Amino acid sequence: MDDDILLLRRASGRAEMMASYELPTGRIHFGEQPDEAMARIIYEYLGVQAGSVKLTDAVTFTDLQNASKQGNLFIIYEVELSNRQVSTTNERYNAYKWVKNTETGVVALEEATLMVLRILSSKQQIDHSIPEHASDNIATANAATIYVDGGSRGNPGPSGVGYYIIAADGTFLKSGGSFLGFSTSRLAEYYALKEGVKQALDLGLKKVRFVSDSLMLVSQMNGLYKVKNSDLFQVHTDVVELLGQLDSYNIIHVPREQNAKADAEVNKIIDIHIRKTK
């Protein structure tokens, strides 16, 4: 069922870890997007393909039991599996079980998994107490969609932004991009969103759904993460001010392959600049 939770038991490690179950976890490799890492982890450890990977939340907490008070950040995804019969014949896991959200209390859970599930459960209870139209504080029905993307060759290196705009009725409105100069990918992602908002205002769009494949950007704009990089402060402020001129908006994350048209605009802009410089 859609609300089932897959829990796994470690095949090795400390005795207390091997006696408990945890959510599927893993590390992000250099150059990977978090959603790509999640799909890879599912396939490597469980032997099944991830049909879809949807960002659910980002959870942070500090382990006060640890002498170093280690900070933890978990990027949480809801994953649709191609097969419920997963394989645990690998070096990481040796058993699994499917449970309902209401049944997790009767399972011995690893500490971080227990903390994450408790936080998500408490947030769901809060969300359910808020009227649906107020949960996002915005209305996005009949909204235009603007795909935005920023990229940097070399990071830092030659950078550009791209956008692809679709009207509320699904018709194509406009696409394009601009060259930024020498920049980082994170700064380019913000300038891409800024350009997307400016395009919306120029076109007279008042209800807009912005789409990006940058988890960092989407999470910071939605308040999941704080903006801590000084190079982002001013452009973040600029974007917030521009968004305030819209009647309503939301900003959502998608996998990179679902943002291909905006990405193509970025690469086209950077390629043109590189050809000119040669």
Protein backbone atom coordinates (compact mmCIF):
# COMPACT_ATOMS: atom_id res chain seq x y z
CA MET A 1 0.00 0.00 0.00
CA ASP A 2 1.08 3.62 -0.48
CA ASP A 3 1.59 4.25 3.23
CA ASP A 4 3.67 1.13 3.91
CA ILE A 5 7.12 1.63 5.41
CA LEU A 6 10.02 -0.65 4.51
CA LEU A 7 12.31 -1.43 7.45
CA LEU A 8 15.61 -3.26 7.18
CA ARG A 9 17.89 -5.08 9.63
CA ARG A 10 21.65 -4.59 9.43
CA ALA A 11 23.77 -7.63 8.58
CA SER A 12 26.81 -6.35 10.50
CA GLY A 13 27.87 -3.69 12.96
CA ARG A 14 27.37 -3.06 16.66
CA ALA A 15 25.21 -5.57 18.53
CA GLU A 16 22.51 -2.98 19.30
CA MET A 17 22.29 -2.03 15.62
CA MET A 18 21.89 -5.61 14.45
CA ALA A 19 18.98 -6.15 16.83
CA SER A 20 16.97 -3.24 15.40
CA TYR A 21 15.46 -2.15 12.09
CA GLU A 22 16.07 1.03 10.11
CA LEU A 23 14.91 2.91 7.04
CA PRO A 24 16.97 2.36 3.87
CA THR A 25 19.88 4.79 4.09
CA GLY A 26 23.14 5.53 2.32
CA ARG A 27 25.65 8.18 1.37
CA ILE A 28 25.57 10.60 -1.54
CA HIS A 29 28.46 10.14 -3.95
CA PHE A 30 30.34 13.14 -5.31
CA GLY A 31 28.44 14.67 -8.22
CA GLU A 32 25.13 12.95 -7.40
CA GLN A 33 21.83 14.64 -6.73
CA PRO A 34 20.19 13.33 -3.52
CA ASP A 35 17.31 11.73 -5.45
CA GLU A 36 19.79 9.95 -7.74
CA ALA A 37 21.64 8.65 -4.69
CA MET A 38 18.38 7.32 -3.23
CA ALA A 39 17.53 5.42 -6.41
CA ARG A 40 21.05 3.97 -6.55
CA ILE A 41 20.95 2.91 -2.89
CA ILE A 42 17.62 1.13 -3.38
CA TYR A 43 18.96 -0.79 -6.36
CA GLU A 44 22.37 -1.62 -4.86
CA TYR A 45 21.08 -2.78 -1.47
CA LEU A 46 17.63 -4.16 -2.32
CA GLY A 47 17.92 -5.30 -5.93
CA VAL A 48 14.79 -3.45 -7.14
CA GLN A 49 14.25 -0.35 -9.25
CA ALA A 50 12.79 2.81 -7.77
CA GLY A 51 9.72 3.62 -9.86
CA SER A 52 9.57 7.18 -8.52
CA VAL A 53 11.50 9.17 -5.93
CA LYS A 54 9.59 12.05 -4.34
CA LEU A 55 11.07 14.53 -1.87
CA THR A 56 9.06 14.40 1.37
CA ASP A 57 11.05 16.35 3.93
CA ALA A 58 14.45 17.24 5.30
CA VAL A 59 14.99 16.42 8.97
CA THR A 60 17.77 17.81 11.14
CA PHE A 61 18.56 16.98 14.74
CA THR A 62 21.52 16.76 17.09
CA ASP A 63 22.53 13.50 18.75
CA LEU A 64 22.78 14.62 22.38
CA GLN A 65 23.87 11.14 23.48
CA ASN A 66 27.07 11.56 21.51
CA ALA A 67 29.91 13.33 23.29
CA SER A 68 30.57 15.40 20.17
CA LYS A 69 26.89 16.37 19.86
CA GLN A 70 26.96 15.35 16.22
CA GLY A 71 24.53 17.11 13.91
CA ASN A 72 22.42 14.99 11.57
CA LEU A 73 20.69 15.86 8.33
CA PHE A 74 18.37 13.35 6.67
CA ILE A 75 16.83 14.06 3.27
CA ILE A 76 13.62 12.01 3.26
CA TYR A 77 12.12 10.54 0.10
CA GLU A 78 8.94 8.64 -0.60
CA VAL A 79 9.95 5.85 -2.99
CA GLU A 80 7.72 3.70 -5.18
CA LEU A 81 9.32 0.28 -5.70
CA SER A 82 8.89 -1.86 -8.79
CA ASN A 83 8.69 -4.98 -6.59
CA ARG A 84 7.77 -5.47 -2.92
CA GLN A 85 9.88 -8.62 -2.79
CA VAL A 86 13.23 -7.03 -2.11
CA SER A 87 16.54 -8.86 -1.78
CA THR A 88 18.52 -8.69 1.47
CA THR A 89 21.25 -11.12 0.50
CA ASN A 90 23.95 -8.46 0.62
CA GLU A 91 26.58 -7.29 3.05
CA ARG A 92 24.46 -4.45 4.43
CA TYR A 93 21.05 -5.99 5.24
CA ASN A 94 19.88 -9.52 6.08
CA ALA A 95 16.15 -9.08 6.79
CA TYR A 96 13.26 -6.74 6.03
CA LYS A 97 9.63 -6.14 6.93
CA TRP A 98 6.82 -3.94 5.69
CA VAL A 99 4.83 -2.11 8.37
CA LYS A 100 2.13 0.52 8.58
CA ASN A 101 2.95 3.91 10.07
CA THR A 102 0.77 3.02 13.05
CA GLU A 103 2.74 -0.21 13.62
CA THR A 104 6.25 1.22 13.97
CA GLY A 105 5.85 1.42 17.74
CA VAL A 106 5.96 -2.36 18.07
CA VAL A 107 9.21 -2.74 16.11
CA ALA A 108 12.68 -2.29 17.60
CA LEU A 109 13.99 0.70 15.64
CA GLU A 110 17.48 2.13 15.24
CA GLU A 111 17.77 5.49 17.03
CA ALA A 112 18.01 7.78 13.99
CA THR A 113 15.14 5.99 12.25
CA LEU A 114 12.99 6.32 15.37
CA MET A 115 13.76 10.03 15.56
CA VAL A 116 12.99 10.63 11.87
CA LEU A 117 9.67 8.76 12.02
CA ARG A 118 8.63 10.65 15.15
CA ILE A 119 9.41 14.01 13.55
CA LEU A 120 7.54 13.12 10.35
CA SER A 121 4.57 11.83 12.34
CA SER A 122 4.37 15.01 14.40
CA LYS A 123 4.52 17.16 11.26
CA GLN A 124 1.72 15.14 9.64
CA GLN A 125 -0.47 15.68 12.70
CA ILE A 126 0.15 19.42 12.50
CA ASP A 127 -0.56 19.50 8.76
CA HIS A 128 -3.83 17.61 9.20
CA SER A 129 -5.04 20.24 11.67
CA ILE A 130 -4.65 23.02 9.08
CA PRO A 131 -7.24 23.59 6.32
CA GLU A 132 -5.99 22.26 2.99
CA HIS A 133 -6.00 25.67 1.31
CA ALA A 134 -3.80 27.09 4.07
CA SER A 135 -1.28 24.28 4.40
CA ASP A 136 0.92 25.75 1.65
CA ASN A 137 -0.30 29.30 2.24
CA ILE A 138 -0.69 29.51 -1.55
CA ALA A 139 -3.11 28.40 -4.23
CA THR A 140 -1.62 26.82 -7.36
CA ALA A 141 -4.67 25.63 -9.27
CA ASN A 142 -4.70 27.05 -12.82
CA ALA A 143 -1.12 28.23 -12.41
CA ALA A 144 1.51 28.65 -15.07
CA THR A 145 4.60 26.45 -14.73
CA ILE A 146 8.13 27.79 -15.05
CA TYR A 147 10.99 25.29 -15.16
CA VAL A 148 14.27 26.88 -14.07
CA ASP A 149 17.83 25.61 -14.02
CA GLY A 150 21.29 26.96 -13.39
CA GLY A 151 24.60 25.35 -14.26
CA SER A 152 28.33 25.85 -14.01
CA ARG A 153 31.04 24.18 -16.08
CA GLY A 154 33.74 23.43 -13.56
CA ASN A 155 31.89 24.73 -10.47
CA PRO A 156 33.11 27.41 -10.32
CA GLY A 157 33.37 28.12 -14.01
CA PRO A 158 31.39 29.50 -16.96
CA SER A 159 27.79 29.59 -15.78
CA GLY A 160 24.33 30.25 -17.11
CA VAL A 161 20.62 30.07 -16.35
CA GLY A 162 17.71 28.70 -18.33
CA TYR A 163 13.93 28.70 -18.15
CA TYR A 164 11.01 27.05 -19.94
CA ILE A 165 7.51 28.47 -19.42
CA ILE A 166 4.15 26.74 -19.88
CA ALA A 167 0.78 28.49 -19.50
CA ALA A 168 -1.92 27.21 -17.17
CA ASP A 169 -3.67 25.54 -20.11
CA GLY A 170 -0.50 23.65 -21.06
CA THR A 171 0.54 25.75 -24.05
CA PHE A 172 4.17 26.78 -24.48
CA LEU A 173 4.83 30.46 -23.74
CA LYS A 174 8.55 31.13 -23.79
CA SER A 175 12.01 29.72 -23.18
CA GLY A 176 15.47 31.21 -22.94
CA GLY A 177 18.43 31.88 -20.73
CA SER A 178 21.37 34.13 -20.05
CA PHE A 179 25.08 33.86 -19.37
CA LEU A 180 26.23 34.72 -15.83
CA GLY A 181 29.98 34.70 -16.19
CA PHE A 182 32.29 32.85 -13.80
CA SER A 183 30.18 31.44 -10.97
CA THR A 184 29.23 28.41 -8.87
CA SER A 185 26.37 26.03 -9.54
CA ARG A 186 24.55 26.97 -6.32
CA LEU A 187 24.63 30.66 -7.21
CA ALA A 188 23.50 29.84 -10.75
CA GLU A 189 20.49 27.93 -9.42
CA TYR A 190 19.38 31.00 -7.47
CA TYR A 191 19.87 33.32 -10.41
CA ALA A 192 17.83 30.90 -12.51
CA LEU A 193 14.91 31.18 -10.08
CA LYS A 194 15.32 34.97 -10.01
CA GLU A 195 15.16 35.05 -13.80
CA GLY A 196 12.11 32.78 -13.76
CA VAL A 197 10.25 35.14 -11.40
CA LYS A 198 11.21 38.16 -13.52
CA GLN A 199 9.90 36.39 -16.62
CA ALA A 200 6.62 35.64 -14.83
CA LEU A 201 6.21 39.30 -13.92
CA ASP A 202 7.10 40.45 -17.45
CA LEU A 203 4.48 38.10 -18.88
CA GLY A 204 1.85 39.24 -16.39
CA LEU A 205 1.59 35.82 -14.74
CA LYS A 206 0.25 36.03 -11.21
CA LYS A 207 -0.11 32.38 -10.17
CA VAL A 208 3.04 30.38 -10.85
CA ARG A 209 4.50 26.97 -10.08
CA PHE A 210 8.30 27.08 -10.21
CA VAL A 211 10.08 23.79 -10.88
CA SER A 212 13.75 23.11 -10.15
CA ASP A 213 15.99 20.04 -9.86
CA SER A 214 18.12 21.74 -7.18
CA LEU A 215 17.20 20.26 -3.82
CA MET A 216 19.27 22.91 -2.06
CA LEU A 217 17.38 25.76 -3.72
CA VAL A 218 13.92 24.28 -3.20
CA SER A 219 14.60 23.33 0.41
CA GLN A 220 15.95 26.78 1.28
CA MET A 221 13.13 28.63 -0.48
CA ASN A 222 10.57 26.44 1.31
CA GLY A 223 12.19 27.02 4.68
CA LEU A 224 13.55 23.52 5.24
CA TYR A 225 17.15 24.75 5.28
CA LYS A 226 18.55 28.12 6.27
CA VAL A 227 20.65 30.10 3.81
CA LYS A 228 24.12 30.08 5.36
CA ASN A 229 26.38 30.79 2.38
CA SER A 230 27.19 34.50 2.23
CA ASP A 231 27.29 34.50 -1.58
CA LEU A 232 23.59 33.58 -1.62
CA PHE A 233 22.27 36.18 0.83
CA GLN A 234 21.61 39.01 -1.62
CA VAL A 235 20.15 36.95 -4.45
CA HIS A 236 17.96 35.05 -1.96
CA THR A 237 16.64 38.40 -0.70
CA ASP A 238 16.06 39.56 -4.28
CA VAL A 239 14.10 36.42 -5.13
CA VAL A 240 11.91 36.70 -2.03
CA GLU A 241 11.09 40.33 -2.86
CA LEU A 242 10.20 39.46 -6.46
CA LEU A 243 8.02 36.53 -5.37
CA GLY A 244 6.07 38.92 -3.17
CA GLN A 245 4.77 40.60 -6.33
CA LEU A 246 2.93 37.42 -7.37
CA ASP A 247 -0.55 36.56 -6.15
CA SER A 248 0.47 32.98 -5.39
CA TYR A 249 3.30 30.58 -6.12
CA ASN A 250 5.00 27.40 -5.04
CA ILE A 251 8.45 25.97 -5.66
CA ILE A 252 8.80 22.23 -6.17
CA HIS A 253 11.67 19.81 -6.68
CA VAL A 254 11.84 17.26 -9.49
CA PRO A 255 14.52 14.81 -10.65
CA ARG A 256 17.00 16.22 -13.16
CA GLU A 257 15.50 14.31 -16.08
CA GLN A 258 12.16 16.07 -15.54
CA ASN A 259 13.84 19.45 -15.96
CA ALA A 260 15.54 18.66 -19.26
CA LYS A 261 14.18 21.61 -21.25
CA ALA A 262 15.44 24.25 -18.83
CA ASP A 263 18.74 22.37 -18.58
CA ALA A 264 19.02 22.43 -22.38
CA GLU A 265 18.67 26.23 -22.33
CA VAL A 266 21.50 26.48 -19.78
CA ASN A 267 23.85 24.34 -21.85
CA LYS A 268 22.96 26.21 -25.03
CA ILE A 269 23.85 29.54 -23.41
CA ILE A 270 27.14 28.27 -22.00
CA ASP A 271 28.08 26.58 -25.29
CA ILE A 272 27.48 29.84 -27.21
CA HIS A 273 29.72 31.74 -24.81
CA ILE A 274 32.51 29.15 -25.00
CA ARG A 275 32.42 29.19 -28.83
CA LYS A 276 32.67 32.99 -28.81
CA THR A 277 35.66 32.99 -26.48
CA LYS A 278 37.46 30.51 -28.71
